[in-house]
Structure formats: C-alpha cells, structure tokens
Amino acid sequence: MDTARSRKMGGTGLGLSIVKHITQVHGGQVTVESKLGQGSTFIIHLPRLLT
C-alpha cells in the first residue's frame, strides 16, 4: 500500500468508525494515544471472556 498517497488523498474515517462500533457492541472501548510529529496509536480494549 502506498501510505504517502493515502495520506495525501485523505480518508473518510469510516474504518475507525466501524472498529469503534464493533468494539462497543462487544462491551469494549477504543482509546487513542497521540504524540505530535510521531503519530497516533489506537488501542482496542475488550472484556476477557470467562469459560
């Protein structure tokens, strides 16, 4: 994938919205950690399943 091209063209943010919705349906949450000039890390927290 050409990441430079992807950044120039921009995105709709739809992927993150889908991830957030699916995570919430399963009782979890999405958090983000950002560092200026370094980028962002998105973290998905899901509850542990007990068997």
PDB file of N, CA and C in Angstrom:
ATOM      1  N   MET A   1       0.840  -1.171   0.000  1.00  0.00           N
ATOM      2  CA  MET A   1       0.000   0.000   0.000  1.00  0.00           C
ATOM      3  C   MET A   1       0.889   1.238   0.000  1.00  0.00           C
ATOM      4  N   ASP A   2       0.541   2.222  -0.760  1.00  0.00           N
ATOM      5  CA  ASP A   2       1.290   3.469  -0.843  1.00  0.00           C
ATOM      6  C   ASP A   2       0.787   4.426   0.231  1.00  0.00           C
ATOM      7  N   THR A   3       1.439   4.418   1.414  1.00  0.00           N
ATOM      8  CA  THR A   3       0.961   5.225   2.530  1.00  0.00           C
ATOM      9  C   THR A   3       1.076   6.714   2.258  1.00  0.00           C
ATOM     10  N   ALA A   4       2.100   7.133   1.521  1.00  0.00           N
ATOM     11  CA  ALA A   4       2.237   8.557   1.199  1.00  0.00           C
ATOM     12  C   ALA A   4       1.045   9.023   0.378  1.00  0.00           C
ATOM     13  N   ARG A   5       0.647   8.221  -0.585  1.00  0.00           N
ATOM     14  CA  ARG A   5      -0.506   8.563  -1.424  1.00  0.00           C
ATOM     15  C   ARG A   5      -1.780   8.589  -0.590  1.00  0.00           C
ATOM     16  N   SER A   6      -1.936   7.632   0.312  1.00  0.00           N
ATOM     17  CA  SER A   6      -3.123   7.573   1.162  1.00  0.00           C
ATOM     18  C   SER A   6      -3.239   8.822   2.020  1.00  0.00           C
ATOM     19  N   ARG A   7      -2.132   9.290   2.574  1.00  0.00           N
ATOM     20  CA  ARG A   7      -2.147  10.481   3.415  1.00  0.00           C
ATOM     21  C   ARG A   7      -2.521  11.720   2.609  1.00  0.00           C
ATOM     22  N   LYS A   8      -1.991  11.817   1.387  1.00  0.00           N
ATOM     23  CA  LYS A   8      -2.284  12.987   0.543  1.00  0.00           C
ATOM     24  C   LYS A   8      -3.749  13.040   0.154  1.00  0.00           C
ATOM     25  N   MET A   9      -4.320  11.880  -0.141  1.00  0.00           N
ATOM     26  CA  MET A   9      -5.697  11.835  -0.624  1.00  0.00           C
ATOM     27  C   MET A   9      -6.692  11.928   0.517  1.00  0.00           C
ATOM     28  N   GLY A  10      -6.270  11.620   1.733  1.00  0.00           N
ATOM     29  CA  GLY A  10      -7.184  11.662   2.869  1.00  0.00           C
ATOM     30  C   GLY A  10      -8.081  10.444   2.901  1.00  0.00           C
ATOM     31  N   GLY A  11      -8.831  10.327   3.954  1.00  0.00           N
ATOM     32  CA  GLY A  11      -9.729   9.192   4.093  1.00  0.00           C
ATOM     33  C   GLY A  11     -11.046   9.651   4.682  1.00  0.00           C
ATOM     34  N   THR A  12     -11.983   8.739   4.721  1.00  0.00           N
ATOM     35  CA  THR A  12     -13.303   9.088   5.237  1.00  0.00           C
ATOM     36  C   THR A  12     -13.426   8.841   6.731  1.00  0.00           C
ATOM     37  N   GLY A  13     -12.489   8.078   7.310  1.00  0.00           N
ATOM     38  CA  GLY A  13     -12.576   7.745   8.721  1.00  0.00           C
ATOM     39  C   GLY A  13     -13.578   6.630   8.982  1.00  0.00           C
ATOM     40  N   LEU A  14     -14.116   6.058   7.939  1.00  0.00           N
ATOM     41  CA  LEU A  14     -15.128   5.022   8.078  1.00  0.00           C
ATOM     42  C   LEU A  14     -14.577   3.781   8.783  1.00  0.00           C
ATOM     43  N   GLY A  15     -13.343   3.423   8.505  1.00  0.00           N
ATOM     44  CA  GLY A  15     -12.751   2.239   9.118  1.00  0.00           C
ATOM     45  C   GLY A  15     -12.721   2.332  10.635  1.00  0.00           C
ATOM     46  N   LEU A  16     -12.286   3.470  11.155  1.00  0.00           N
ATOM     47  CA  LEU A  16     -12.232   3.659  12.602  1.00  0.00           C
ATOM     48  C   LEU A  16     -13.632   3.654  13.201  1.00  0.00           C
ATOM     49  N   SER A  17     -14.581   4.229  12.494  1.00  0.00           N
ATOM     50  CA  SER A  17     -15.965   4.235  12.967  1.00  0.00           C
ATOM     51  C   SER A  17     -16.513   2.813  13.078  1.00  0.00           C
ATOM     52  N   ILE A  18     -16.202   1.978  12.103  1.00  0.00           N
ATOM     53  CA  ILE A  18     -16.648   0.576  12.123  1.00  0.00           C
ATOM     54  C   ILE A  18     -15.994  -0.165  13.289  1.00  0.00           C
ATOM     55  N   VAL A  19     -14.688   0.034  13.474  1.00  0.00           N
ATOM     56  CA  VAL A  19     -13.966  -0.611  14.581  1.00  0.00           C
ATOM     57  C   VAL A  19     -14.578  -0.197  15.916  1.00  0.00           C
ATOM     58  N   LYS A  20     -14.851   1.101  16.076  1.00  0.00           N
ATOM     59  CA  LYS A  20     -15.433   1.597  17.326  1.00  0.00           C
ATOM     60  C   LYS A  20     -16.795   0.954  17.587  1.00  0.00           C
ATOM     61  N   HIS A  21     -17.626   0.878  16.571  1.00  0.00           N
ATOM     62  CA  HIS A  21     -18.963   0.300  16.735  1.00  0.00           C
ATOM     63  C   HIS A  21     -18.880  -1.183  17.125  1.00  0.00           C
ATOM     64  N   ILE A  22     -18.083  -1.950  16.430  1.00  0.00           N
ATOM     65  CA  ILE A  22     -17.959  -3.389  16.716  1.00  0.00           C
ATOM     66  C   ILE A  22     -17.405  -3.594  18.129  1.00  0.00           C
ATOM     67  N   THR A  23     -16.413  -2.782  18.502  1.00  0.00           N
ATOM     68  CA  THR A  23     -15.821  -2.893  19.841  1.00  0.00           C
ATOM     69  C   THR A  23     -16.863  -2.609  20.910  1.00  0.00           C
ATOM     70  N   GLN A  24     -17.663  -1.561  20.733  1.00  0.00           N
ATOM     71  CA  GLN A  24     -18.686  -1.211  21.716  1.00  0.00           C
ATOM     72  C   GLN A  24     -19.770  -2.275  21.816  1.00  0.00           C
ATOM     73  N   VAL A  25     -20.139  -2.878  20.693  1.00  0.00           N
ATOM     74  CA  VAL A  25     -21.144  -3.942  20.707  1.00  0.00           C
ATOM     75  C   VAL A  25     -20.675  -5.121  21.567  1.00  0.00           C
ATOM     76  N   HIS A  26     -19.361  -5.330  21.609  1.00  0.00           N
ATOM     77  CA  HIS A  26     -18.795  -6.432  22.390  1.00  0.00           C
ATOM     78  C   HIS A  26     -18.389  -5.997  23.798  1.00  0.00           C
ATOM     79  N   GLY A  27     -18.848  -4.815  24.226  1.00  0.00           N
ATOM     80  CA  GLY A  27     -18.597  -4.364  25.591  1.00  0.00           C
ATOM     81  C   GLY A  27     -17.238  -3.741  25.812  1.00  0.00           C
ATOM     82  N   GLY A  28     -16.576  -3.329  24.759  1.00  0.00           N
ATOM     83  CA  GLY A  28     -15.243  -2.751  24.893  1.00  0.00           C
ATOM     84  C   GLY A  28     -15.222  -1.282  24.568  1.00  0.00           C
ATOM     85  N   GLN A  29     -14.017  -0.767  24.421  1.00  0.00           N
ATOM     86  CA  GLN A  29     -13.861   0.635  24.054  1.00  0.00           C
ATOM     87  C   GLN A  29     -12.577   0.816  23.254  1.00  0.00           C
ATOM     88  N   VAL A  30     -12.491   1.918  22.536  1.00  0.00           N
ATOM     89  CA  VAL A  30     -11.305   2.265  21.761  1.00  0.00           C
ATOM     90  C   VAL A  30     -10.711   3.532  22.373  1.00  0.00           C
ATOM     91  N   THR A  31      -9.407   3.522  22.619  1.00  0.00           N
ATOM     92  CA  THR A  31      -8.727   4.719  23.099  1.00  0.00           C
ATOM     93  C   THR A  31      -7.614   5.068  22.121  1.00  0.00           C
ATOM     94  N   VAL A  32      -7.116   6.288  22.230  1.00  0.00           N
ATOM     95  CA  VAL A  32      -6.044   6.733  21.336  1.00  0.00           C
ATOM     96  C   VAL A  32      -4.971   7.458  22.136  1.00  0.00           C
ATOM     97  N   GLU A  33      -3.728   7.225  21.756  1.00  0.00           N
ATOM     98  CA  GLU A  33      -2.586   7.944  22.310  1.00  0.00           C
ATOM     99  C   GLU A  33      -1.892   8.626  21.138  1.00  0.00           C
ATOM    100  N   SER A  34      -1.740   9.950  21.213  1.00  0.00           N
ATOM    101  CA  SER A  34      -1.120  10.705  20.125  1.00  0.00           C
ATOM    102  C   SER A  34       0.110  11.441  20.616  1.00  0.00           C
ATOM    103  N   LYS A  35       1.123  11.488  19.760  1.00  0.00           N
ATOM    104  CA  LYS A  35       2.330  12.254  20.033  1.00  0.00           C
ATOM    105  C   LYS A  35       2.595  13.119  18.816  1.00  0.00           C
ATOM    106  N   LEU A  36       2.663  14.417  19.041  1.00  0.00           N
ATOM    107  CA  LEU A  36       2.867  15.376  17.974  1.00  0.00           C
ATOM    108  C   LEU A  36       4.116  15.030  17.164  1.00  0.00           C
ATOM    109  N   GLY A  37       3.953  14.920  15.879  1.00  0.00           N
ATOM    110  CA  GLY A  37       5.065  14.619  14.992  1.00  0.00           C
ATOM    111  C   GLY A  37       5.443  13.152  14.917  1.00  0.00           C
ATOM    112  N   GLN A  38       4.807  12.308  15.739  1.00  0.00           N
ATOM    113  CA  GLN A  38       5.136  10.879  15.749  1.00  0.00           C
ATOM    114  C   GLN A  38       3.976  10.011  15.298  1.00  0.00           C
ATOM    115  N   GLY A  39       2.757  10.502  15.469  1.00  0.00           N
ATOM    116  CA  GLY A  39       1.595   9.724  15.043  1.00  0.00           C
ATOM    117  C   GLY A  39       0.703   9.334  16.204  1.00  0.00           C
ATOM    118  N   SER A  40      -0.221   8.446  15.906  1.00  0.00           N
ATOM    119  CA  SER A  40      -1.218   8.023  16.888  1.00  0.00           C
ATOM    120  C   SER A  40      -1.257   6.510  16.982  1.00  0.00           C
ATOM    121  N   THR A  41      -1.577   6.034  18.187  1.00  0.00           N
ATOM    122  CA  THR A  41      -1.765   4.608  18.424  1.00  0.00           C
ATOM    123  C   THR A  41      -3.188   4.412  18.922  1.00  0.00           C
ATOM    124  N   PHE A  42      -3.945   3.575  18.229  1.00  0.00           N
ATOM    125  CA  PHE A  42      -5.312   3.270  18.625  1.00  0.00           C
ATOM    126  C   PHE A  42      -5.302   1.930  19.345  1.00  0.00           C
ATOM    127  N   ILE A  43      -5.936   1.884  20.515  1.00  0.00           N
ATOM    128  CA  ILE A  43      -5.928   0.684  21.348  1.00  0.00           C
ATOM    129  C   ILE A  43      -7.362   0.202  21.526  1.00  0.00           C
ATOM    130  N   ILE A  44      -7.568  -1.081  21.289  1.00  0.00           N
ATOM    131  CA  ILE A  44      -8.889  -1.692  21.438  1.00  0.00           C
ATOM    132  C   ILE A  44      -8.889  -2.475  22.741  1.00  0.00           C
ATOM    133  N   HIS A  45      -9.815  -2.130  23.646  1.00  0.00           N
ATOM    134  CA  HIS A  45      -9.960  -2.818  24.924  1.00  0.00           C
ATOM    135  C   HIS A  45     -11.224  -3.675  24.842  1.00  0.00           C
ATOM    136  N   LEU A  46     -11.072  -4.974  25.022  1.00  0.00           N
ATOM    137  CA  LEU A  46     -12.223  -5.892  25.029  1.00  0.00           C
ATOM    138  C   LEU A  46     -12.244  -6.641  26.346  1.00  0.00           C
ATOM    139  N   PRO A  47     -13.447  -6.906  26.857  1.00  0.00           N
ATOM    140  CA  PRO A  47     -13.538  -7.659  28.110  1.00  0.00           C
ATOM    141  C   PRO A  47     -13.054  -9.102  27.899  1.00  0.00           C
ATOM    142  N   ARG A  48     -12.472  -9.652  28.926  1.00  0.00           N
ATOM    143  CA  ARG A  48     -11.999 -11.036  28.877  1.00  0.00           C
ATOM    144  C   ARG A  48     -13.193 -11.975  28.957  1.00  0.00           C
ATOM    145  N   LEU A  49     -13.226 -12.984  28.105  1.00  0.00           N
ATOM    146  CA  LEU A  49     -14.290 -13.973  28.137  1.00  0.00           C
ATOM    147  C   LEU A  49     -13.969 -15.041  29.172  1.00  0.00           C
ATOM    148  N   LEU A  50     -14.918 -15.337  30.033  1.00  0.00           N
ATOM    149  CA  LEU A  50     -14.735 -16.376  31.039  1.00  0.00           C
ATOM    150  C   LEU A  50     -15.370 -17.660  30.527  1.00  0.00           C
ATOM    151  N   THR A  51     -14.604 -18.727  30.567  1.00  0.00           N
ATOM    152  CA  THR A  51     -15.159 -20.018  30.111  1.00  0.00           C
ATOM    153  C   THR A  51     -15.188 -21.018  31.238  1.00  0.00           C
TER     154      THR A  51
END
